[in-house]
Amino acid sequence: MKKIGLLILLSCLFCTLLSAQSNIVKSLQSDVPGQGKVTIHQDARIATLIGQGYIPDASAGEEKVIKSTGYRVQLYAGNNTRQAKNEAHEVAESVKQLFPDLSVYTTFTPPRWLCRVGDYRSYEEADAMMRQLRATGEFKEVSIVKDHINIYF
């Protein structure tokens, strides 16, 4: 009987937290009469990861980056030869000329050279860019791949 009561109490508490607060940190730090007070000391980057807004320190002059799983558009995949390396860099240069604001990543992931562009959180965003790249007619191999992306803030 105690287990059922505890289960009901926990489920009510969970539902209350979900409906009342969208952020777990805010819900834990809320002042509830008759209950204890929780104070959380954490790095600001953690708050960003759980959805709470974070304003970077502009005086530091650094751009903050979070690594996340997302999508990129792959434009080239070659083998591990010098020619493949040169082709990957040529593709990167042509992308920079056509889309100067687009981030380009030329990497060697054994056993091949890759040229990928963009940092997209959703497949739809990557698809829109893939269509723009295909429309140029410059690139032969254009596909969307799941990758680790950089989120700048």
Protein backbone atom coordinates (compact mmCIF):
# COMPACT_ATOMS: atom_id res chain seq x y z
CA MET A 1 0.00 0.00 0.00
CA LYS A 2 2.87 2.35 0.82
CA LYS A 3 4.42 1.69 -2.60
CA ILE A 4 1.18 2.56 -4.41
CA GLY A 5 0.78 5.77 -2.41
CA LEU A 6 4.37 6.74 -3.11
CA LEU A 7 3.92 5.98 -6.81
CA ILE A 8 0.79 8.15 -6.98
CA LEU A 9 2.53 10.96 -5.11
CA LEU A 10 5.57 10.85 -7.42
CA SER A 11 3.42 10.78 -10.56
CA CYS A 12 1.42 13.80 -9.32
CA LEU A 13 4.63 15.64 -8.51
CA PHE A 14 6.05 14.79 -11.93
CA CYS A 15 2.89 15.98 -13.73
CA THR A 16 2.89 19.18 -11.68
CA LEU A 17 6.50 19.87 -12.56
CA LEU A 18 5.88 19.27 -16.25
CA SER A 19 2.82 21.47 -16.42
CA ALA A 20 3.97 24.28 -14.13
CA GLN A 21 7.61 24.63 -15.13
CA SER A 22 9.31 23.88 -18.41
CA ASN A 23 12.75 24.04 -16.84
CA ILE A 24 13.83 21.60 -14.12
CA VAL A 25 16.27 24.06 -12.56
CA LYS A 26 13.59 26.72 -12.18
CA SER A 27 11.18 24.20 -10.73
CA LEU A 28 13.74 22.99 -8.19
CA GLN A 29 14.63 26.52 -7.11
CA SER A 30 11.02 27.68 -6.79
CA ASP A 31 10.00 28.80 -3.32
CA VAL A 32 7.19 26.57 -2.03
CA PRO A 33 5.75 27.39 1.43
CA GLY A 34 6.30 24.62 3.94
CA GLN A 35 9.12 22.99 1.97
CA GLY A 36 12.86 23.44 1.90
CA LYS A 37 14.72 25.70 -0.51
CA VAL A 38 17.07 24.33 -3.17
CA THR A 39 19.91 26.47 -4.54
CA ILE A 40 21.79 25.24 -7.59
CA HIS A 41 25.23 26.56 -8.51
CA GLN A 42 26.18 25.53 -12.05
CA ASP A 43 28.11 26.62 -15.09
CA ALA A 44 26.07 28.78 -17.48
CA ARG A 45 26.74 26.34 -20.33
CA ILE A 46 24.67 23.72 -18.52
CA ALA A 47 21.71 26.09 -18.43
CA THR A 48 22.02 26.49 -22.19
CA LEU A 49 21.90 22.76 -22.70
CA ILE A 50 18.63 22.41 -20.82
CA GLY A 51 16.94 25.21 -22.73
CA GLN A 52 17.35 28.18 -20.43
CA GLY A 53 18.64 31.28 -22.16
CA TYR A 54 22.28 32.23 -21.78
CA ILE A 55 23.92 35.48 -22.81
CA PRO A 56 27.65 35.10 -23.54
CA ASP A 57 30.11 37.58 -22.08
CA ALA A 58 30.78 40.04 -24.91
CA SER A 59 33.78 41.53 -23.10
CA ALA A 60 35.67 38.23 -23.45
CA GLY A 61 35.41 38.49 -27.25
CA GLU A 62 34.96 34.74 -27.59
CA GLU A 63 32.23 33.05 -29.54
CA LYS A 64 30.69 30.23 -27.53
CA VAL A 65 30.18 26.84 -29.18
CA ILE A 66 28.21 23.79 -28.13
CA LYS A 67 28.71 20.45 -29.86
CA SER A 68 25.51 18.58 -30.65
CA THR A 69 24.14 15.91 -32.94
CA GLY A 70 22.61 17.27 -36.12
CA TYR A 71 22.94 17.23 -39.89
CA ARG A 72 25.36 18.44 -42.53
CA VAL A 73 25.26 18.36 -46.31
CA GLN A 74 28.02 16.20 -47.78
CA LEU A 75 29.37 17.40 -51.12
CA TYR A 76 32.40 15.20 -51.61
CA ALA A 77 33.69 11.83 -50.43
CA GLY A 78 36.93 10.53 -51.94
CA ASN A 79 39.55 7.99 -51.04
CA ASN A 80 42.79 8.54 -49.12
CA THR A 81 44.98 9.78 -51.99
CA ARG A 82 46.58 13.18 -52.53
CA GLN A 83 44.23 13.74 -55.48
CA ALA A 84 41.17 13.17 -53.28
CA LYS A 85 42.52 15.66 -50.75
CA ASN A 86 42.97 18.29 -53.47
CA GLU A 87 39.49 17.62 -54.87
CA ALA A 88 37.94 17.97 -51.40
CA HIS A 89 39.67 21.35 -50.94
CA GLU A 90 38.58 22.46 -54.44
CA VAL A 91 34.96 21.64 -53.60
CA ALA A 92 35.33 23.58 -50.35
CA GLU A 93 36.66 26.63 -52.20
CA SER A 94 33.83 26.59 -54.73
CA VAL A 95 31.29 26.41 -51.89
CA LYS A 96 32.96 29.38 -50.18
CA GLN A 97 32.71 31.38 -53.40
CA LEU A 98 29.02 30.56 -53.94
CA PHE A 99 27.93 30.71 -50.27
CA PRO A 100 30.44 32.83 -48.29
CA ASP A 101 28.46 32.65 -45.02
CA LEU A 102 28.17 28.86 -45.06
CA SER A 103 30.51 26.92 -42.76
CA VAL A 104 32.63 24.37 -44.67
CA TYR A 105 34.36 21.34 -43.13
CA THR A 106 37.03 19.46 -45.09
CA THR A 107 38.24 16.49 -43.05
CA PHE A 108 40.04 13.22 -43.39
CA THR A 109 37.99 10.46 -41.82
CA PRO A 110 39.88 7.25 -42.57
CA PRO A 111 39.81 5.94 -45.24
CA ARG A 112 38.46 8.98 -47.13
CA TRP A 113 38.45 12.74 -47.55
CA LEU A 114 35.13 14.47 -46.90
CA CYS A 115 33.75 17.90 -47.64
CA ARG A 116 30.63 18.79 -45.66
CA VAL A 117 28.83 22.07 -45.13
CA GLY A 118 26.51 23.60 -42.58
CA ASP A 119 25.42 22.98 -39.02
CA TYR A 120 21.74 22.08 -39.06
CA ARG A 121 19.69 20.96 -36.09
CA SER A 122 16.88 19.51 -38.20
CA TYR A 123 16.73 17.43 -41.34
CA GLU A 124 14.43 20.01 -42.95
CA GLU A 125 17.03 22.79 -42.61
CA ALA A 126 19.68 20.56 -44.18
CA ASP A 127 17.27 19.60 -46.96
CA ALA A 128 16.66 23.25 -47.85
CA MET A 129 20.40 23.86 -48.20
CA MET A 130 20.89 20.63 -50.13
CA ARG A 131 18.32 21.81 -52.68
CA GLN A 132 20.13 25.16 -53.06
CA LEU A 133 23.45 23.40 -53.58
CA ARG A 134 21.99 21.02 -56.17
CA ALA A 135 20.39 23.94 -58.01
CA THR A 136 23.83 25.46 -58.67
CA GLY A 137 24.83 22.43 -60.78
CA GLU A 138 28.40 22.64 -59.43
CA PHE A 139 28.35 19.58 -57.21
CA LYS A 140 27.96 15.94 -58.25
CA GLU A 141 27.48 14.25 -54.89
CA VAL A 142 25.04 16.06 -52.61
CA SER A 143 23.51 14.21 -49.68
CA ILE A 144 22.46 14.80 -46.09
CA VAL A 145 24.44 13.05 -43.36
CA LYS A 146 24.07 12.88 -39.61
CA ASP A 147 27.09 14.44 -37.93
CA HIS A 148 28.30 16.29 -34.86
CA ILE A 149 27.55 19.98 -35.41
CA ASN A 150 28.62 23.26 -33.83
CA ILE A 151 25.96 25.50 -32.33
CA TYR A 152 27.25 29.06 -31.96
CA PHE A 153 25.76 31.53 -29.50
